Amino acid sequence: MPKKKVRSSTEAFERARVTPQKKPYVLRLYVTGTTPQSVRAIANIKKLCEIHLKGRYELDVVDLYQQPHLAQGEQIIAAPTLIKKLPLPQRRIIGDMSKSQRVLDGLDLQKQK
């Protein structure tokens, strides 16, 4: 039976620091039908997610015309509204997501240069 290698907590910390875990993002975008602003918001957030969060995000798009009851639970007062559920802290961004830097700041992401 092979012995398990015992690692010190310092070694584990150093390894975690060098290869940081990228947390998955859970996002929900509330829109109102197929209005131009809603369509732009969907396209803009999908583009930003593919560039900055590729493979580590979940995006749900909720049409408030089809599911108005979901707006009450989340206290949605304007649309489009993006809610970052995870990682915490939860954040809300209102608008068509065209101001990329504002959206990245709201998602706690650094703009890649």
PDB file of N, CA and C in Angstrom:
ATOM      1  N   MET A   1       0.845  -1.176   0.000  1.00  0.00           N
ATOM      2  CA  MET A   1       0.000   0.000   0.000  1.00  0.00           C
ATOM      3  C   MET A   1       0.892   1.242   0.000  1.00  0.00           C
ATOM      4  N   PRO A   2       0.764   2.115  -1.043  1.00  0.00           N
ATOM      5  CA  PRO A   2       1.621   3.289  -1.105  1.00  0.00           C
ATOM      6  C   PRO A   2       1.222   4.320  -0.058  1.00  0.00           C
ATOM      7  N   LYS A   3       2.244   4.995   0.463  1.00  0.00           N
ATOM      8  CA  LYS A   3       1.993   6.032   1.463  1.00  0.00           C
ATOM      9  C   LYS A   3       1.535   7.308   0.769  1.00  0.00           C
ATOM     10  N   LYS A   4       0.618   8.015   1.415  1.00  0.00           N
ATOM     11  CA  LYS A   4       0.170   9.299   0.904  1.00  0.00           C
ATOM     12  C   LYS A   4       1.195  10.355   1.276  1.00  0.00           C
ATOM     13  N   LYS A   5       1.455  11.232   0.336  1.00  0.00           N
ATOM     14  CA  LYS A   5       2.399  12.305   0.593  1.00  0.00           C
ATOM     15  C   LYS A   5       1.715  13.355   1.465  1.00  0.00           C
ATOM     16  N   VAL A   6       2.343  13.702   2.558  1.00  0.00           N
ATOM     17  CA  VAL A   6       1.805  14.698   3.475  1.00  0.00           C
ATOM     18  C   VAL A   6       2.371  16.056   3.088  1.00  0.00           C
ATOM     19  N   ARG A   7       1.495  17.030   2.902  1.00  0.00           N
ATOM     20  CA  ARG A   7       1.926  18.373   2.540  1.00  0.00           C
ATOM     21  C   ARG A   7       1.679  19.322   3.693  1.00  0.00           C
ATOM     22  N   SER A   8       2.558  20.252   3.830  1.00  0.00           N
ATOM     23  CA  SER A   8       2.375  21.247   4.888  1.00  0.00           C
ATOM     24  C   SER A   8       1.315  22.250   4.449  1.00  0.00           C
ATOM     25  N   SER A   9       0.759  22.963   5.408  1.00  0.00           N
ATOM     26  CA  SER A   9      -0.245  23.963   5.077  1.00  0.00           C
ATOM     27  C   SER A   9       0.375  25.106   4.278  1.00  0.00           C
ATOM     28  N   THR A  10       1.645  25.394   4.518  1.00  0.00           N
ATOM     29  CA  THR A  10       2.323  26.443   3.754  1.00  0.00           C
ATOM     30  C   THR A  10       2.433  26.046   2.288  1.00  0.00           C
ATOM     31  N   GLU A  11       2.780  24.792   2.035  1.00  0.00           N
ATOM     32  CA  GLU A  11       2.889  24.316   0.662  1.00  0.00           C
ATOM     33  C   GLU A  11       1.522  24.363  -0.033  1.00  0.00           C
ATOM     34  N   ALA A  12       0.481  23.976   0.671  1.00  0.00           N
ATOM     35  CA  ALA A  12      -0.869  24.006   0.100  1.00  0.00           C
ATOM     36  C   ALA A  12      -1.287  25.441  -0.208  1.00  0.00           C
ATOM     37  N   PHE A  13      -0.949  26.360   0.701  1.00  0.00           N
ATOM     38  CA  PHE A  13      -1.285  27.769   0.483  1.00  0.00           C
ATOM     39  C   PHE A  13      -0.549  28.311  -0.739  1.00  0.00           C
ATOM     40  N   GLU A  14       0.728  28.026  -0.854  1.00  0.00           N
ATOM     41  CA  GLU A  14       1.527  28.499  -1.986  1.00  0.00           C
ATOM     42  C   GLU A  14       0.990  27.947  -3.303  1.00  0.00           C
ATOM     43  N   ARG A  15       0.617  26.708  -3.301  1.00  0.00           N
ATOM     44  CA  ARG A  15       0.064  26.095  -4.513  1.00  0.00           C
ATOM     45  C   ARG A  15      -1.265  26.755  -4.894  1.00  0.00           C
ATOM     46  N   ALA A  16      -2.103  27.034  -3.903  1.00  0.00           N
ATOM     47  CA  ALA A  16      -3.393  27.689  -4.170  1.00  0.00           C
ATOM     48  C   ALA A  16      -3.185  29.118  -4.650  1.00  0.00           C
ATOM     49  N   ARG A  17      -2.158  29.779  -4.141  1.00  0.00           N
ATOM     50  CA  ARG A  17      -1.879  31.159  -4.545  1.00  0.00           C
ATOM     51  C   ARG A  17      -1.411  31.225  -5.993  1.00  0.00           C
ATOM     52  N   VAL A  18      -0.609  30.266  -6.395  1.00  0.00           N
ATOM     53  CA  VAL A  18      -0.076  30.233  -7.754  1.00  0.00           C
ATOM     54  C   VAL A  18      -1.167  29.873  -8.760  1.00  0.00           C
ATOM     55  N   THR A  19      -2.046  28.946  -8.414  1.00  0.00           N
ATOM     56  CA  THR A  19      -3.132  28.535  -9.300  1.00  0.00           C
ATOM     57  C   THR A  19      -4.464  28.859  -8.644  1.00  0.00           C
ATOM     58  N   PRO A  20      -4.875  30.147  -8.687  1.00  0.00           N
ATOM     59  CA  PRO A  20      -6.112  30.526  -8.021  1.00  0.00           C
ATOM     60  C   PRO A  20      -7.327  29.851  -8.640  1.00  0.00           C
ATOM     61  N   GLN A  21      -8.282  29.506  -7.794  1.00  0.00           N
ATOM     62  CA  GLN A  21      -9.513  28.889  -8.263  1.00  0.00           C
ATOM     63  C   GLN A  21     -10.406  29.970  -8.853  1.00  0.00           C
ATOM     64  N   LYS A  22     -10.885  29.739 -10.041  1.00  0.00           N
ATOM     65  CA  LYS A  22     -11.782  30.690 -10.677  1.00  0.00           C
ATOM     66  C   LYS A  22     -13.210  30.278 -10.350  1.00  0.00           C
ATOM     67  N   LYS A  23     -13.885  31.162  -9.640  1.00  0.00           N
ATOM     68  CA  LYS A  23     -15.233  30.856  -9.184  1.00  0.00           C
ATOM     69  C   LYS A  23     -16.225  30.988 -10.331  1.00  0.00           C
ATOM     70  N   PRO A  24     -17.210  30.099 -10.370  1.00  0.00           N
ATOM     71  CA  PRO A  24     -18.239  30.220 -11.402  1.00  0.00           C
ATOM     72  C   PRO A  24     -19.163  31.405 -11.099  1.00  0.00           C
ATOM     73  N   TYR A  25     -19.639  32.035 -12.133  1.00  0.00           N
ATOM     74  CA  TYR A  25     -20.553  33.166 -12.001  1.00  0.00           C
ATOM     75  C   TYR A  25     -21.959  32.704 -12.339  1.00  0.00           C
ATOM     76  N   VAL A  26     -22.919  33.095 -11.518  1.00  0.00           N
ATOM     77  CA  VAL A  26     -24.332  32.825 -11.773  1.00  0.00           C
ATOM     78  C   VAL A  26     -24.990  34.183 -11.982  1.00  0.00           C
ATOM     79  N   LEU A  27     -25.475  34.399 -13.192  1.00  0.00           N
ATOM     80  CA  LEU A  27     -26.047  35.681 -13.585  1.00  0.00           C
ATOM     81  C   LEU A  27     -27.481  35.490 -14.051  1.00  0.00           C
ATOM     82  N   ARG A  28     -28.309  36.491 -13.793  1.00  0.00           N
ATOM     83  CA  ARG A  28     -29.687  36.475 -14.282  1.00  0.00           C
ATOM     84  C   ARG A  28     -29.993  37.848 -14.873  1.00  0.00           C
ATOM     85  N   LEU A  29     -30.406  37.850 -16.129  1.00  0.00           N
ATOM     86  CA  LEU A  29     -30.734  39.091 -16.824  1.00  0.00           C
ATOM     87  C   LEU A  29     -32.239  39.166 -17.023  1.00  0.00           C
ATOM     88  N   TYR A  30     -32.835  40.218 -16.497  1.00  0.00           N
ATOM     89  CA  TYR A  30     -34.269  40.449 -16.647  1.00  0.00           C
ATOM     90  C   TYR A  30     -34.480  41.437 -17.785  1.00  0.00           C
ATOM     91  N   VAL A  31     -35.290  41.046 -18.766  1.00  0.00           N
ATOM     92  CA  VAL A  31     -35.580  41.885 -19.926  1.00  0.00           C
ATOM     93  C   VAL A  31     -37.088  41.977 -20.124  1.00  0.00           C
ATOM     94  N   THR A  32     -37.489  42.908 -20.999  1.00  0.00           N
ATOM     95  CA  THR A  32     -38.915  43.065 -21.312  1.00  0.00           C
ATOM     96  C   THR A  32     -39.127  42.792 -22.790  1.00  0.00           C
ATOM     97  N   GLY A  33     -39.407  41.555 -23.103  1.00  0.00           N
ATOM     98  CA  GLY A  33     -39.696  41.161 -24.476  1.00  0.00           C
ATOM     99  C   GLY A  33     -38.511  41.328 -25.401  1.00  0.00           C
ATOM    100  N   THR A  34     -38.808  41.718 -26.642  1.00  0.00           N
ATOM    101  CA  THR A  34     -37.763  41.873 -27.656  1.00  0.00           C
ATOM    102  C   THR A  34     -37.567  43.342 -28.018  1.00  0.00           C
ATOM    103  N   THR A  35     -37.649  44.205 -27.028  1.00  0.00           N
ATOM    104  CA  THR A  35     -37.399  45.621 -27.272  1.00  0.00           C
ATOM    105  C   THR A  35     -35.943  45.800 -27.685  1.00  0.00           C
ATOM    106  N   PRO A  36     -35.633  46.864 -28.412  1.00  0.00           N
ATOM    107  CA  PRO A  36     -34.242  47.079 -28.822  1.00  0.00           C
ATOM    108  C   PRO A  36     -33.258  47.090 -27.646  1.00  0.00           C
ATOM    109  N   GLN A  37     -33.652  47.709 -26.545  1.00  0.00           N
ATOM    110  CA  GLN A  37     -32.769  47.752 -25.379  1.00  0.00           C
ATOM    111  C   GLN A  37     -32.562  46.356 -24.792  1.00  0.00           C
ATOM    112  N   SER A  38     -33.591  45.539 -24.757  1.00  0.00           N
ATOM    113  CA  SER A  38     -33.468  44.174 -24.244  1.00  0.00           C
ATOM    114  C   SER A  38     -32.570  43.327 -25.142  1.00  0.00           C
ATOM    115  N   VAL A  39     -32.750  43.454 -26.445  1.00  0.00           N
ATOM    116  CA  VAL A  39     -31.932  42.696 -27.395  1.00  0.00           C
ATOM    117  C   VAL A  39     -30.462  43.099 -27.259  1.00  0.00           C
ATOM    118  N   ARG A  40     -30.194  44.410 -27.136  1.00  0.00           N
ATOM    119  CA  ARG A  40     -28.815  44.886 -26.947  1.00  0.00           C
ATOM    120  C   ARG A  40     -28.225  44.357 -25.651  1.00  0.00           C
ATOM    121  N   ALA A  41     -29.016  44.364 -24.580  1.00  0.00           N
ATOM    122  CA  ALA A  41     -28.528  43.889 -23.282  1.00  0.00           C
ATOM    123  C   ALA A  41     -28.126  42.417 -23.359  1.00  0.00           C
ATOM    124  N   ILE A  42     -28.944  41.608 -24.001  1.00  0.00           N
ATOM    125  CA  ILE A  42     -28.642  40.175 -24.130  1.00  0.00           C
ATOM    126  C   ILE A  42     -27.353  39.983 -24.934  1.00  0.00           C
ATOM    127  N   ALA A  43     -27.251  40.664 -26.064  1.00  0.00           N
ATOM    128  CA  ALA A  43     -26.054  40.520 -26.909  1.00  0.00           C
ATOM    129  C   ALA A  43     -24.806  41.009 -26.180  1.00  0.00           C
ATOM    130  N   ASN A  44     -24.907  42.152 -25.503  1.00  0.00           N
ATOM    131  CA  ASN A  44     -23.744  42.718 -24.821  1.00  0.00           C
ATOM    132  C   ASN A  44     -23.264  41.847 -23.667  1.00  0.00           C
ATOM    133  N   ILE A  45     -24.176  41.329 -22.858  1.00  0.00           N
ATOM    134  CA  ILE A  45     -23.738  40.529 -21.708  1.00  0.00           C
ATOM    135  C   ILE A  45     -23.196  39.180 -22.173  1.00  0.00           C
ATOM    136  N   LYS A  46     -23.775  38.608 -23.225  1.00  0.00           N
ATOM    137  CA  LYS A  46     -23.236  37.345 -23.751  1.00  0.00           C
ATOM    138  C   LYS A  46     -21.815  37.547 -24.274  1.00  0.00           C
ATOM    139  N   LYS A  47     -21.591  38.647 -24.967  1.00  0.00           N
ATOM    140  CA  LYS A  47     -20.261  38.939 -25.503  1.00  0.00           C
ATOM    141  C   LYS A  47     -19.254  39.120 -24.367  1.00  0.00           C
ATOM    142  N   LEU A  48     -19.610  39.910 -23.346  1.00  0.00           N
ATOM    143  CA  LEU A  48     -18.701  40.117 -22.211  1.00  0.00           C
ATOM    144  C   LEU A  48     -18.413  38.813 -21.475  1.00  0.00           C
ATOM    145  N   CYS A  49     -19.428  37.995 -21.296  1.00  0.00           N
ATOM    146  CA  CYS A  49     -19.236  36.714 -20.605  1.00  0.00           C
ATOM    147  C   CYS A  49     -18.325  35.790 -21.397  1.00  0.00           C
ATOM    148  N   GLU A  50     -18.489  35.735 -22.703  1.00  0.00           N
ATOM    149  CA  GLU A  50     -17.642  34.870 -23.524  1.00  0.00           C
ATOM    150  C   GLU A  50     -16.190  35.343 -23.519  1.00  0.00           C
ATOM    151  N   ILE A  51     -15.982  36.640 -23.434  1.00  0.00           N
ATOM    152  CA  ILE A  51     -14.615  37.172 -23.411  1.00  0.00           C
ATOM    153  C   ILE A  51     -13.970  36.986 -22.039  1.00  0.00           C
ATOM    154  N   HIS A  52     -14.682  37.318 -20.962  1.00  0.00           N
ATOM    155  CA  HIS A  52     -14.081  37.380 -19.631  1.00  0.00           C
ATOM    156  C   HIS A  52     -14.394  36.195 -18.718  1.00  0.00           C
ATOM    157  N   LEU A  53     -15.440  35.436 -19.022  1.00  0.00           N
ATOM    158  CA  LEU A  53     -15.849  34.338 -18.133  1.00  0.00           C
ATOM    159  C   LEU A  53     -16.039  33.023 -18.880  1.00  0.00           C
ATOM    160  N   LYS A  54     -15.423  32.877 -20.015  1.00  0.00           N
ATOM    161  CA  LYS A  54     -15.647  31.710 -20.873  1.00  0.00           C
ATOM    162  C   LYS A  54     -15.528  30.400 -20.085  1.00  0.00           C
ATOM    163  N   GLY A  55     -16.598  29.612 -20.135  1.00  0.00           N
ATOM    164  CA  GLY A  55     -16.597  28.306 -19.500  1.00  0.00           C
ATOM    165  C   GLY A  55     -16.859  28.312 -18.006  1.00  0.00           C
ATOM    166  N   ARG A  56     -17.075  29.481 -17.421  1.00  0.00           N
ATOM    167  CA  ARG A  56     -17.311  29.504 -15.975  1.00  0.00           C
ATOM    168  C   ARG A  56     -18.448  30.449 -15.580  1.00  0.00           C
ATOM    169  N   TYR A  57     -19.483  30.485 -16.416  1.00  0.00           N
ATOM    170  CA  TYR A  57     -20.642  31.304 -16.072  1.00  0.00           C
ATOM    171  C   TYR A  57     -21.923  30.594 -16.477  1.00  0.00           C
ATOM    172  N   GLU A  58     -22.975  30.978 -15.778  1.00  0.00           N
ATOM    173  CA  GLU A  58     -24.325  30.507 -16.091  1.00  0.00           C
ATOM    174  C   GLU A  58     -25.188  31.751 -16.224  1.00  0.00           C
ATOM    175  N   LEU A  59     -25.791  31.949 -17.369  1.00  0.00           N
ATOM    176  CA  LEU A  59     -26.606  33.125 -17.626  1.00  0.00           C
ATOM    177  C   LEU A  59     -28.031  32.699 -17.911  1.00  0.00           C
ATOM    178  N   ASP A  60     -28.949  33.179 -17.088  1.00  0.00           N
ATOM    179  CA  ASP A  60     -30.375  32.951 -17.310  1.00  0.00           C
ATOM    180  C   ASP A  60     -30.984  34.268 -17.773  1.00  0.00           C
ATOM    181  N   VAL A  61     -31.748  34.222 -18.849  1.00  0.00           N
ATOM    182  CA  VAL A  61     -32.443  35.410 -19.337  1.00  0.00           C
ATOM    183  C   VAL A  61     -33.921  35.216 -19.040  1.00  0.00           C
ATOM    184  N   VAL A  62     -34.498  36.168 -18.305  1.00  0.00           N
ATOM    185  CA  VAL A  62     -35.904  36.092 -17.905  1.00  0.00           C
ATOM    186  C   VAL A  62     -36.666  37.217 -18.583  1.00  0.00           C
ATOM    187  N   ASP A  63     -37.671  36.850 -19.368  1.00  0.00           N
ATOM    188  CA  ASP A  63     -38.542  37.839 -20.010  1.00  0.00           C
ATOM    189  C   ASP A  63     -39.677  38.154 -19.027  1.00  0.00           C
ATOM    190  N   LEU A  64     -39.713  39.390 -18.581  1.00  0.00           N
ATOM    191  CA  LEU A  64     -40.708  39.780 -17.578  1.00  0.00           C
ATOM    192  C   LEU A  64     -42.130  39.791 -18.127  1.00  0.00           C
ATOM    193  N   TYR A  65     -42.287  39.856 -19.446  1.00  0.00           N
ATOM    194  CA  TYR A  65     -43.625  39.761 -20.028  1.00  0.00           C
ATOM    195  C   TYR A  65     -44.154  38.331 -19.905  1.00  0.00           C
ATOM    196  N   GLN A  66     -43.270  37.344 -19.965  1.00  0.00           N
ATOM    197  CA  GLN A  66     -43.679  35.950 -19.879  1.00  0.00           C
ATOM    198  C   GLN A  66     -43.708  35.441 -18.438  1.00  0.00           C
ATOM    199  N   GLN A  67     -42.854  35.979 -17.582  1.00  0.00           N
ATOM    200  CA  GLN A  67     -42.784  35.526 -16.189  1.00  0.00           C
ATOM    201  C   GLN A  67     -42.753  36.722 -15.231  1.00  0.00           C
ATOM    202  N   PRO A  68     -43.825  37.503 -15.173  1.00  0.00           N
ATOM    203  CA  PRO A  68     -43.821  38.715 -14.339  1.00  0.00           C
ATOM    204  C   PRO A  68     -43.693  38.439 -12.840  1.00  0.00           C
ATOM    205  N   HIS A  69     -44.098  37.255 -12.403  1.00  0.00           N
ATOM    206  CA  HIS A  69     -44.016  36.925 -10.984  1.00  0.00           C
ATOM    207  C   HIS A  69     -42.576  36.873 -10.482  1.00  0.00           C
ATOM    208  N   LEU A  70     -41.609  36.622 -11.364  1.00  0.00           N
ATOM    209  CA  LEU A  70     -40.204  36.569 -10.953  1.00  0.00           C
ATOM    210  C   LEU A  70     -39.660  37.947 -10.582  1.00  0.00           C
ATOM    211  N   ALA A  71     -40.276  38.993 -11.105  1.00  0.00           N
ATOM    212  CA  ALA A  71     -39.823  40.354 -10.794  1.00  0.00           C
ATOM    213  C   ALA A  71     -40.105  40.715  -9.344  1.00  0.00           C
ATOM    214  N   GLN A  72     -41.177  40.210  -8.786  1.00  0.00           N
ATOM    215  CA  GLN A  72     -41.524  40.529  -7.395  1.00  0.00           C
ATOM    216  C   GLN A  72     -40.516  39.934  -6.427  1.00  0.00           C
ATOM    217  N   GLY A  73     -40.148  38.699  -6.639  1.00  0.00           N
ATOM    218  CA  GLY A  73     -39.199  38.043  -5.741  1.00  0.00           C
ATOM    219  C   GLY A  73     -37.837  38.701  -5.752  1.00  0.00           C
ATOM    220  N   GLU A  74     -37.441  39.266  -6.885  1.00  0.00           N
ATOM    221  CA  GLU A  74     -36.131  39.917  -7.010  1.00  0.00           C
ATOM    222  C   GLU A  74     -36.223  41.429  -6.868  1.00  0.00           C
ATOM    223  N   GLN A  75     -37.433  41.954  -6.702  1.00  0.00           N
ATOM    224  CA  GLN A  75     -37.665  43.394  -6.576  1.00  0.00           C
ATOM    225  C   GLN A  75     -37.099  44.163  -7.768  1.00  0.00           C
ATOM    226  N   ILE A  76     -37.436  43.708  -8.955  1.00  0.00           N
ATOM    227  CA  ILE A  76     -37.006  44.360 -10.183  1.00  0.00           C
ATOM    228  C   ILE A  76     -37.892  45.571 -10.433  1.00  0.00           C
ATOM    229  N   ILE A  77     -37.280  46.743 -10.576  1.00  0.00           N
ATOM    230  CA  ILE A  77     -38.057  47.957 -10.828  1.00  0.00           C
ATOM    231  C   ILE A  77     -37.753  48.565 -12.195  1.00  0.00           C
ATOM    232  N   ALA A  78     -36.708  48.081 -12.869  1.00  0.00           N
ATOM    233  CA  ALA A  78     -36.344  48.563 -14.203  1.00  0.00           C
ATOM    234  C   ALA A  78     -35.801  47.391 -14.998  1.00  0.00           C
ATOM    235  N   ALA A  79     -35.911  47.502 -16.314  1.00  0.00           N
ATOM    236  CA  ALA A  79     -35.379  46.445 -17.164  1.00  0.00           C
ATOM    237  C   ALA A  79     -34.705  47.095 -18.365  1.00  0.00           C
ATOM    238  N   PRO A  80     -33.652  46.529 -18.841  1.00  0.00           N
ATOM    239  CA  PRO A  80     -32.980  45.323 -18.393  1.00  0.00           C
ATOM    240  C   PRO A  80     -32.211  45.524 -17.080  1.00  0.00           C
ATOM    241  N   THR A  81     -32.214  44.478 -16.263  1.00  0.00           N
ATOM    242  CA  THR A  81     -31.447  44.444 -15.021  1.00  0.00           C
ATOM    243  C   THR A  81     -30.689  43.128 -14.971  1.00  0.00           C
ATOM    244  N   LEU A  82     -29.394  43.226 -14.721  1.00  0.00           N
ATOM    245  CA  LEU A  82     -28.551  42.051 -14.548  1.00  0.00           C
ATOM    246  C   LEU A  82     -28.267  41.878 -13.072  1.00  0.00           C
ATOM    247  N   ILE A  83     -28.480  40.671 -12.556  1.00  0.00           N
ATOM    248  CA  ILE A  83     -28.162  40.368 -11.164  1.00  0.00           C
ATOM    249  C   ILE A  83     -27.055  39.332 -11.138  1.00  0.00           C
ATOM    250  N   LYS A  84     -25.979  39.676 -10.444  1.00  0.00           N
ATOM    251  CA  LYS A  84     -24.893  38.721 -10.219  1.00  0.00           C
ATOM    252  C   LYS A  84     -25.210  38.033  -8.902  1.00  0.00           C
ATOM    253  N   LYS A  85     -25.625  36.783  -8.969  1.00  0.00           N
ATOM    254  CA  LYS A  85     -25.987  36.037  -7.767  1.00  0.00           C
ATOM    255  C   LYS A  85     -24.754  35.449  -7.095  1.00  0.00           C
ATOM    256  N   LEU A  86     -23.857  34.889  -7.876  1.00  0.00           N
ATOM    257  CA  LEU A  86     -22.612  34.325  -7.357  1.00  0.00           C
ATOM    258  C   LEU A  86     -21.472  34.735  -8.264  1.00  0.00           C
ATOM    259  N   PRO A  87     -20.292  34.902  -7.771  1.00  0.00           N
ATOM    260  CA  PRO A  87     -19.900  34.857  -6.371  1.00  0.00           C
ATOM    261  C   PRO A  87     -20.395  36.099  -5.628  1.00  0.00           C
ATOM    262  N   LEU A  88     -20.522  35.942  -4.340  1.00  0.00           N
ATOM    263  CA  LEU A  88     -20.983  37.048  -3.504  1.00  0.00           C
ATOM    264  C   LEU A  88     -19.940  38.146  -3.485  1.00  0.00           C
ATOM    265  N   PRO A  89     -20.271  39.380  -3.277  1.00  0.00           N
ATOM    266  CA  PRO A  89     -21.593  39.913  -2.948  1.00  0.00           C
ATOM    267  C   PRO A  89     -22.480  40.019  -4.197  1.00  0.00           C
ATOM    268  N   GLN A  90     -23.768  39.934  -3.955  1.00  0.00           N
ATOM    269  CA  GLN A  90     -24.724  40.049  -5.039  1.00  0.00           C
ATOM    270  C   GLN A  90     -24.716  41.492  -5.542  1.00  0.00           C
ATOM    271  N   ARG A  91     -24.798  41.658  -6.851  1.00  0.00           N
ATOM    272  CA  ARG A  91     -24.780  42.988  -7.457  1.00  0.00           C
ATOM    273  C   ARG A  91     -25.879  43.104  -8.494  1.00  0.00           C
ATOM    274  N   ARG A  92     -26.304  44.354  -8.760  1.00  0.00           N
ATOM    275  CA  ARG A  92     -27.313  44.649  -9.775  1.00  0.00           C
ATOM    276  C   ARG A  92     -26.768  45.700 -10.730  1.00  0.00           C
ATOM    277  N   ILE A  93     -27.001  45.484 -12.005  1.00  0.00           N
ATOM    278  CA  ILE A  93     -26.585  46.434 -13.029  1.00  0.00           C
ATOM    279  C   ILE A  93     -27.802  46.684 -13.913  1.00  0.00           C
ATOM    280  N   ILE A  94     -28.142  47.949 -14.081  1.00  0.00           N
ATOM    281  CA  ILE A  94     -29.324  48.314 -14.871  1.00  0.00           C
ATOM    282  C   ILE A  94     -28.879  48.978 -16.160  1.00  0.00           C
ATOM    283  N   GLY A  95     -29.517  48.606 -17.265  1.00  0.00           N
ATOM    284  CA  GLY A  95     -29.213  49.214 -18.558  1.00  0.00           C
ATOM    285  C   GLY A  95     -28.971  48.162 -19.621  1.00  0.00           C
ATOM    286  N   ASP A  96     -28.509  48.620 -20.785  1.00  0.00           N
ATOM    287  CA  ASP A  96     -28.333  47.695 -21.907  1.00  0.00           C
ATOM    288  C   ASP A  96     -26.952  47.040 -21.942  1.00  0.00           C
ATOM    289  N   MET A  97     -26.169  47.191 -20.892  1.00  0.00           N
ATOM    290  CA  MET A  97     -24.851  46.556 -20.719  1.00  0.00           C
ATOM    291  C   MET A  97     -23.843  47.014 -21.765  1.00  0.00           C
ATOM    292  N   SER A  98     -24.084  48.193 -22.368  1.00  0.00           N
ATOM    293  CA  SER A  98     -23.179  48.698 -23.402  1.00  0.00           C
ATOM    294  C   SER A  98     -21.945  49.371 -22.811  1.00  0.00           C
ATOM    295  N   LYS A  99     -21.994  49.781 -21.560  1.00  0.00           N
ATOM    296  CA  LYS A  99     -20.825  50.377 -20.903  1.00  0.00           C
ATOM    297  C   LYS A  99     -20.014  49.241 -20.281  1.00  0.00           C
ATOM    298  N   SER A 100     -19.149  48.673 -21.099  1.00  0.00           N
ATOM    299  CA  SER A 100     -18.418  47.456 -20.724  1.00  0.00           C
ATOM    300  C   SER A 100     -17.672  47.585 -19.409  1.00  0.00           C
ATOM    301  N   GLN A 101     -16.956  48.687 -19.208  1.00  0.00           N
ATOM    302  CA  GLN A 101     -16.169  48.831 -17.990  1.00  0.00           C
ATOM    303  C   GLN A 101     -17.069  48.871 -16.755  1.00  0.00           C
ATOM    304  N   ARG A 102     -18.212  49.504 -16.868  1.00  0.00           N
ATOM    305  CA  ARG A 102     -19.166  49.560 -15.755  1.00  0.00           C
ATOM    306  C   ARG A 102     -19.683  48.163 -15.416  1.00  0.00           C
ATOM    307  N   VAL A 103     -19.964  47.381 -16.435  1.00  0.00           N
ATOM    308  CA  VAL A 103     -20.445  46.009 -16.230  1.00  0.00           C
ATOM    309  C   VAL A 103     -19.339  45.159 -15.605  1.00  0.00           C
ATOM    310  N   LEU A 104     -18.116  45.276 -16.123  1.00  0.00           N
ATOM    311  CA  LEU A 104     -16.990  44.510 -15.570  1.00  0.00           C
ATOM    312  C   LEU A 104     -16.744  44.881 -14.110  1.00  0.00           C
ATOM    313  N   ASP A 105     -16.846  46.169 -13.785  1.00  0.00           N
ATOM    314  CA  ASP A 105     -16.684  46.595 -12.396  1.00  0.00           C
ATOM    315  C   ASP A 105     -17.789  45.992 -11.527  1.00  0.00           C
ATOM    316  N   GLY A 106     -19.013  45.992 -12.041  1.00  0.00           N
ATOM    317  CA  GLY A 106     -20.127  45.411 -11.302  1.00  0.00           C
ATOM    318  C   GLY A 106     -19.991  43.913 -11.077  1.00  0.00           C
ATOM    319  N   LEU A 107     -19.301  43.254 -11.999  1.00  0.00           N
ATOM    320  CA  LEU A 107     -19.079  41.818 -11.874  1.00  0.00           C
ATOM    321  C   LEU A 107     -17.778  41.513 -11.121  1.00  0.00           C
ATOM    322  N   ASP A 108     -17.094  42.548 -10.668  1.00  0.00           N
ATOM    323  CA  ASP A 108     -15.800  42.407  -9.971  1.00  0.00           C
ATOM    324  C   ASP A 108     -14.739  41.773 -10.864  1.00  0.00           C
ATOM    325  N   LEU A 109     -14.720  42.177 -12.112  1.00  0.00           N
ATOM    326  CA  LEU A 109     -13.725  41.686 -13.066  1.00  0.00           C
ATOM    327  C   LEU A 109     -12.847  42.837 -13.507  1.00  0.00           C
ATOM    328  N   GLN A 110     -11.576  42.563 -13.701  1.00  0.00           N
ATOM    329  CA  GLN A 110     -10.650  43.556 -14.225  1.00  0.00           C
ATOM    330  C   GLN A 110     -10.747  43.519 -15.739  1.00  0.00           C
ATOM    331  N   LYS A 111     -10.718  44.688 -16.370  1.00  0.00           N
ATOM    332  CA  LYS A 111     -10.718  44.721 -17.828  1.00  0.00           C
ATOM    333  C   LYS A 111      -9.360  44.238 -18.312  1.00  0.00           C
ATOM    334  N   GLN A 112      -9.405  43.268 -19.215  1.00  0.00           N
ATOM    335  CA  GLN A 112      -8.162  42.710 -19.744  1.00  0.00           C
ATOM    336  C   GLN A 112      -7.640  43.611 -20.840  1.00  0.00           C
ATOM    337  N   LYS A 113      -6.355  43.980 -20.738  1.00  0.00           N
ATOM    338  CA  LYS A 113      -5.761  44.883 -21.717  1.00  0.00           C
ATOM    339  C   LYS A 113      -4.958  44.092 -22.711  1.00  0.00           C
TER     340      LYS A 113
END
